Amino acid sequence: MHARVTTLSGPADNVDVGIENFRANVVPFVREQGKGAILLVDRDNGEAIGITLWEDEEALRASEESANALRANVADQMGAAAPTVSRYEVAVFEL
């Protein structure tokens, strides 16, 4: 399994906009093509970390173009600085 981790920061009062955007756009996208999605937020400082999970590196790479568009959209809506993106192999995953 592989993960894409996106971190962004914007005005704290726009956190709910980011949450709704994630629910409306990222979650359905990942339901179709990926394995899971997690959104962590810090309401006090406007930081958010989005984690999407993918079956393998090939699936993660195949989703890049769509992920770039989704990321740009939410950053624009939130008035956030340019997001940072990292990619990882998931070494341990337990529910």
N, C-alpha and C. Protein backbone atom coordinates (compact mmCIF):
# COMPACT_ATOMS: atom_id res chain seq x y z
N MET A 1 0.85 -1.16 0.00
CA MET A 1 0.00 0.00 0.00
C MET A 1 0.90 1.23 0.00
N HIS A 2 0.43 2.31 -0.63
CA HIS A 2 1.16 3.58 -0.69
C HIS A 2 0.24 4.72 -0.25
N ALA A 3 0.85 5.80 0.21
CA ALA A 3 0.10 6.96 0.70
C ALA A 3 0.64 8.24 0.10
N ARG A 4 -0.27 9.15 -0.18
CA ARG A 4 0.09 10.52 -0.55
C ARG A 4 -0.33 11.39 0.61
N VAL A 5 0.59 12.22 1.11
CA VAL A 5 0.33 13.08 2.24
C VAL A 5 0.46 14.53 1.77
N THR A 6 -0.63 15.27 1.91
CA THR A 6 -0.67 16.67 1.49
C THR A 6 -0.87 17.53 2.73
N THR A 7 -0.01 18.52 2.88
CA THR A 7 -0.10 19.45 4.00
C THR A 7 -0.35 20.84 3.46
N LEU A 8 -1.33 21.53 4.05
CA LEU A 8 -1.56 22.91 3.64
C LEU A 8 -1.97 23.73 4.84
N SER A 9 -1.79 25.03 4.70
CA SER A 9 -2.10 25.95 5.79
C SER A 9 -2.77 27.18 5.22
N GLY A 10 -3.85 27.59 5.86
CA GLY A 10 -4.59 28.77 5.43
C GLY A 10 -5.20 29.44 6.63
N PRO A 11 -6.06 30.41 6.41
CA PRO A 11 -6.73 31.08 7.53
C PRO A 11 -7.54 30.09 8.36
N ALA A 12 -7.41 30.20 9.67
CA ALA A 12 -8.11 29.26 10.57
C ALA A 12 -9.61 29.27 10.36
N ASP A 13 -10.17 30.40 9.98
CA ASP A 13 -11.62 30.45 9.80
C ASP A 13 -12.09 29.77 8.52
N ASN A 14 -11.18 29.26 7.70
CA ASN A 14 -11.54 28.54 6.48
C ASN A 14 -11.40 27.03 6.60
N VAL A 15 -11.13 26.53 7.80
CA VAL A 15 -10.95 25.09 7.99
C VAL A 15 -12.20 24.32 7.57
N ASP A 16 -13.39 24.81 7.93
CA ASP A 16 -14.62 24.10 7.57
C ASP A 16 -14.81 24.04 6.05
N VAL A 17 -14.36 25.06 5.34
CA VAL A 17 -14.42 25.04 3.87
C VAL A 17 -13.56 23.89 3.35
N GLY A 18 -12.38 23.72 3.93
CA GLY A 18 -11.50 22.63 3.52
C GLY A 18 -12.07 21.26 3.84
N ILE A 19 -12.69 21.14 5.00
CA ILE A 19 -13.31 19.86 5.38
C ILE A 19 -14.42 19.49 4.40
N GLU A 20 -15.27 20.43 4.09
CA GLU A 20 -16.38 20.15 3.17
C GLU A 20 -15.86 19.82 1.77
N ASN A 21 -14.83 20.53 1.33
CA ASN A 21 -14.24 20.24 0.02
C ASN A 21 -13.67 18.83 0.00
N PHE A 22 -12.98 18.42 1.05
CA PHE A 22 -12.41 17.08 1.15
C PHE A 22 -13.51 16.03 1.08
N ARG A 23 -14.59 16.25 1.84
CA ARG A 23 -15.72 15.30 1.84
C ARG A 23 -16.38 15.21 0.47
N ALA A 24 -16.56 16.36 -0.17
CA ALA A 24 -17.30 16.41 -1.44
C ALA A 24 -16.47 15.95 -2.63
N ASN A 25 -15.15 16.12 -2.58
CA ASN A 25 -14.34 15.86 -3.76
C ASN A 25 -13.31 14.75 -3.59
N VAL A 26 -12.54 14.79 -2.52
CA VAL A 26 -11.49 13.80 -2.33
C VAL A 26 -12.06 12.44 -1.97
N VAL A 27 -12.99 12.41 -1.03
CA VAL A 27 -13.55 11.12 -0.58
C VAL A 27 -14.17 10.34 -1.74
N PRO A 28 -15.03 10.94 -2.57
CA PRO A 28 -15.57 10.17 -3.70
C PRO A 28 -14.50 9.71 -4.68
N PHE A 29 -13.51 10.56 -4.93
CA PHE A 29 -12.41 10.21 -5.83
C PHE A 29 -11.65 8.98 -5.31
N VAL A 30 -11.35 8.99 -4.01
CA VAL A 30 -10.61 7.87 -3.43
C VAL A 30 -11.48 6.62 -3.33
N ARG A 31 -12.78 6.79 -3.12
CA ARG A 31 -13.67 5.60 -3.11
C ARG A 31 -13.62 4.88 -4.45
N GLU A 32 -13.54 5.64 -5.53
CA GLU A 32 -13.50 5.05 -6.88
C GLU A 32 -12.16 4.41 -7.20
N GLN A 33 -11.06 5.07 -6.82
CA GLN A 33 -9.76 4.64 -7.30
C GLN A 33 -8.78 4.19 -6.22
N GLY A 34 -9.02 4.57 -4.97
CA GLY A 34 -8.04 4.31 -3.92
C GLY A 34 -8.53 3.36 -2.86
N LYS A 35 -7.87 3.44 -1.71
CA LYS A 35 -8.17 2.53 -0.60
C LYS A 35 -8.65 3.24 0.66
N GLY A 36 -8.49 4.56 0.74
CA GLY A 36 -8.94 5.28 1.94
C GLY A 36 -8.46 6.71 1.94
N ALA A 37 -9.11 7.51 2.78
CA ALA A 37 -8.76 8.92 2.89
C ALA A 37 -8.93 9.37 4.34
N ILE A 38 -7.99 10.19 4.79
CA ILE A 38 -8.00 10.71 6.15
C ILE A 38 -7.70 12.21 6.07
N LEU A 39 -8.41 13.00 6.86
CA LEU A 39 -8.13 14.42 6.93
C LEU A 39 -7.93 14.80 8.39
N LEU A 40 -6.77 15.36 8.69
CA LEU A 40 -6.44 15.86 10.02
C LEU A 40 -6.42 17.38 9.96
N VAL A 41 -7.04 18.04 10.93
CA VAL A 41 -7.06 19.51 10.91
C VAL A 41 -6.68 20.06 12.29
N ASP A 42 -6.06 21.22 12.26
CA ASP A 42 -5.81 22.00 13.47
C ASP A 42 -6.59 23.29 13.32
N ARG A 43 -7.74 23.35 13.97
CA ARG A 43 -8.63 24.50 13.82
C ARG A 43 -8.02 25.79 14.36
N ASP A 44 -7.09 25.68 15.28
CA ASP A 44 -6.49 26.88 15.88
C ASP A 44 -5.56 27.61 14.91
N ASN A 45 -4.83 26.87 14.09
CA ASN A 45 -3.87 27.54 13.21
C ASN A 45 -4.14 27.35 11.72
N GLY A 46 -5.22 26.66 11.36
CA GLY A 46 -5.60 26.53 9.95
C GLY A 46 -4.79 25.51 9.17
N GLU A 47 -4.09 24.63 9.86
CA GLU A 47 -3.31 23.60 9.16
C GLU A 47 -4.16 22.35 8.93
N ALA A 48 -3.89 21.70 7.80
CA ALA A 48 -4.59 20.46 7.47
C ALA A 48 -3.61 19.48 6.83
N ILE A 49 -3.80 18.21 7.14
CA ILE A 49 -3.02 17.13 6.54
C ILE A 49 -4.01 16.14 5.95
N GLY A 50 -3.94 15.96 4.64
CA GLY A 50 -4.78 14.98 3.96
C GLY A 50 -3.94 13.79 3.59
N ILE A 51 -4.43 12.60 3.89
CA ILE A 51 -3.72 11.37 3.57
C ILE A 51 -4.64 10.51 2.72
N THR A 52 -4.16 10.12 1.56
CA THR A 52 -4.93 9.20 0.72
C THR A 52 -4.11 7.92 0.57
N LEU A 53 -4.82 6.80 0.57
CA LEU A 53 -4.18 5.49 0.51
C LEU A 53 -4.49 4.82 -0.82
N TRP A 54 -3.47 4.13 -1.36
CA TRP A 54 -3.55 3.53 -2.68
C TRP A 54 -3.03 2.09 -2.64
N GLU A 55 -3.62 1.24 -3.44
CA GLU A 55 -3.27 -0.19 -3.46
C GLU A 55 -1.77 -0.41 -3.64
N ASP A 56 -1.18 0.34 -4.56
CA ASP A 56 0.24 0.18 -4.85
C ASP A 56 0.78 1.48 -5.45
N GLU A 57 2.07 1.51 -5.72
CA GLU A 57 2.68 2.72 -6.26
C GLU A 57 2.12 3.09 -7.63
N GLU A 58 1.79 2.09 -8.41
CA GLU A 58 1.21 2.34 -9.74
C GLU A 58 -0.13 3.08 -9.62
N ALA A 59 -0.98 2.66 -8.70
CA ALA A 59 -2.27 3.33 -8.51
C ALA A 59 -2.08 4.76 -8.00
N LEU A 60 -1.12 4.94 -7.10
CA LEU A 60 -0.84 6.28 -6.60
C LEU A 60 -0.40 7.18 -7.75
N ARG A 61 0.53 6.70 -8.56
CA ARG A 61 1.04 7.50 -9.69
C ARG A 61 -0.07 7.79 -10.72
N ALA A 62 -0.94 6.83 -10.94
CA ALA A 62 -2.02 7.02 -11.91
C ALA A 62 -3.01 8.10 -11.46
N SER A 63 -3.07 8.35 -10.17
CA SER A 63 -4.02 9.34 -9.63
C SER A 63 -3.43 10.74 -9.55
N GLU A 64 -2.18 10.93 -9.90
CA GLU A 64 -1.48 12.21 -9.70
C GLU A 64 -2.16 13.40 -10.36
N GLU A 65 -2.53 13.27 -11.61
CA GLU A 65 -3.11 14.40 -12.33
C GLU A 65 -4.41 14.87 -11.67
N SER A 66 -5.28 13.93 -11.35
CA SER A 66 -6.53 14.29 -10.69
C SER A 66 -6.28 14.85 -9.30
N ALA A 67 -5.33 14.27 -8.58
CA ALA A 67 -5.00 14.76 -7.24
C ALA A 67 -4.47 16.19 -7.29
N ASN A 68 -3.67 16.50 -8.29
CA ASN A 68 -3.16 17.87 -8.44
C ASN A 68 -4.29 18.87 -8.61
N ALA A 69 -5.29 18.52 -9.41
CA ALA A 69 -6.43 19.41 -9.63
C ALA A 69 -7.25 19.58 -8.35
N LEU A 70 -7.51 18.49 -7.65
CA LEU A 70 -8.27 18.56 -6.39
C LEU A 70 -7.53 19.41 -5.36
N ARG A 71 -6.23 19.23 -5.28
CA ARG A 71 -5.40 19.97 -4.33
C ARG A 71 -5.42 21.47 -4.63
N ALA A 72 -5.28 21.82 -5.89
CA ALA A 72 -5.30 23.23 -6.28
C ALA A 72 -6.64 23.86 -5.96
N ASN A 73 -7.72 23.10 -6.18
CA ASN A 73 -9.06 23.61 -5.90
C ASN A 73 -9.26 23.93 -4.42
N VAL A 74 -8.88 23.01 -3.55
CA VAL A 74 -9.09 23.24 -2.12
C VAL A 74 -8.18 24.35 -1.61
N ALA A 75 -6.95 24.42 -2.10
CA ALA A 75 -6.06 25.50 -1.66
C ALA A 75 -6.63 26.85 -2.06
N ASP A 76 -7.19 26.93 -3.25
CA ASP A 76 -7.81 28.17 -3.72
C ASP A 76 -9.02 28.54 -2.86
N GLN A 77 -9.88 27.57 -2.60
CA GLN A 77 -11.08 27.82 -1.79
C GLN A 77 -10.76 28.25 -0.37
N MET A 78 -9.67 27.70 0.18
CA MET A 78 -9.30 28.01 1.56
C MET A 78 -8.41 29.25 1.67
N GLY A 79 -7.93 29.75 0.54
CA GLY A 79 -6.98 30.85 0.60
C GLY A 79 -5.68 30.40 1.23
N ALA A 80 -5.30 29.14 0.95
CA ALA A 80 -4.13 28.52 1.57
C ALA A 80 -2.88 28.75 0.74
N ALA A 81 -1.75 28.67 1.42
CA ALA A 81 -0.46 28.69 0.75
C ALA A 81 -0.32 27.42 -0.08
N ALA A 82 0.65 27.39 -0.98
CA ALA A 82 0.87 26.20 -1.82
C ALA A 82 1.07 24.97 -0.94
N PRO A 83 0.31 23.91 -1.19
CA PRO A 83 0.43 22.69 -0.40
C PRO A 83 1.77 21.99 -0.65
N THR A 84 2.21 21.24 0.33
CA THR A 84 3.36 20.35 0.14
C THR A 84 2.82 18.93 0.01
N VAL A 85 3.50 18.14 -0.80
CA VAL A 85 3.05 16.78 -1.07
C VAL A 85 4.22 15.82 -0.90
N SER A 86 3.97 14.73 -0.19
CA SER A 86 4.96 13.67 -0.02
C SER A 86 4.29 12.33 -0.33
N ARG A 87 5.09 11.38 -0.73
CA ARG A 87 4.58 10.04 -1.05
C ARG A 87 5.38 9.01 -0.26
N TYR A 88 4.66 8.00 0.25
CA TYR A 88 5.28 7.00 1.12
C TYR A 88 4.78 5.60 0.81
N GLU A 89 5.58 4.63 1.12
CA GLU A 89 5.11 3.25 1.20
C GLU A 89 4.56 3.09 2.62
N VAL A 90 3.41 2.47 2.74
CA VAL A 90 2.82 2.22 4.05
C VAL A 90 3.43 0.94 4.59
N ALA A 91 4.20 1.05 5.65
CA ALA A 91 4.88 -0.10 6.23
C ALA A 91 3.98 -0.87 7.19
N VAL A 92 3.11 -0.15 7.92
CA VAL A 92 2.19 -0.79 8.88
C VAL A 92 0.85 -0.08 8.76
N PHE A 93 -0.23 -0.85 8.65
CA PHE A 93 -1.58 -0.30 8.61
C PHE A 93 -2.46 -1.24 9.42
N GLU A 94 -3.10 -0.70 10.44
CA GLU A 94 -3.95 -1.50 11.31
C GLU A 94 -5.17 -0.70 11.67
N LEU A 95 -6.34 -1.29 11.59
CA LEU A 95 -7.59 -0.65 12.01
C LEU A 95 -8.00 -1.12 13.38
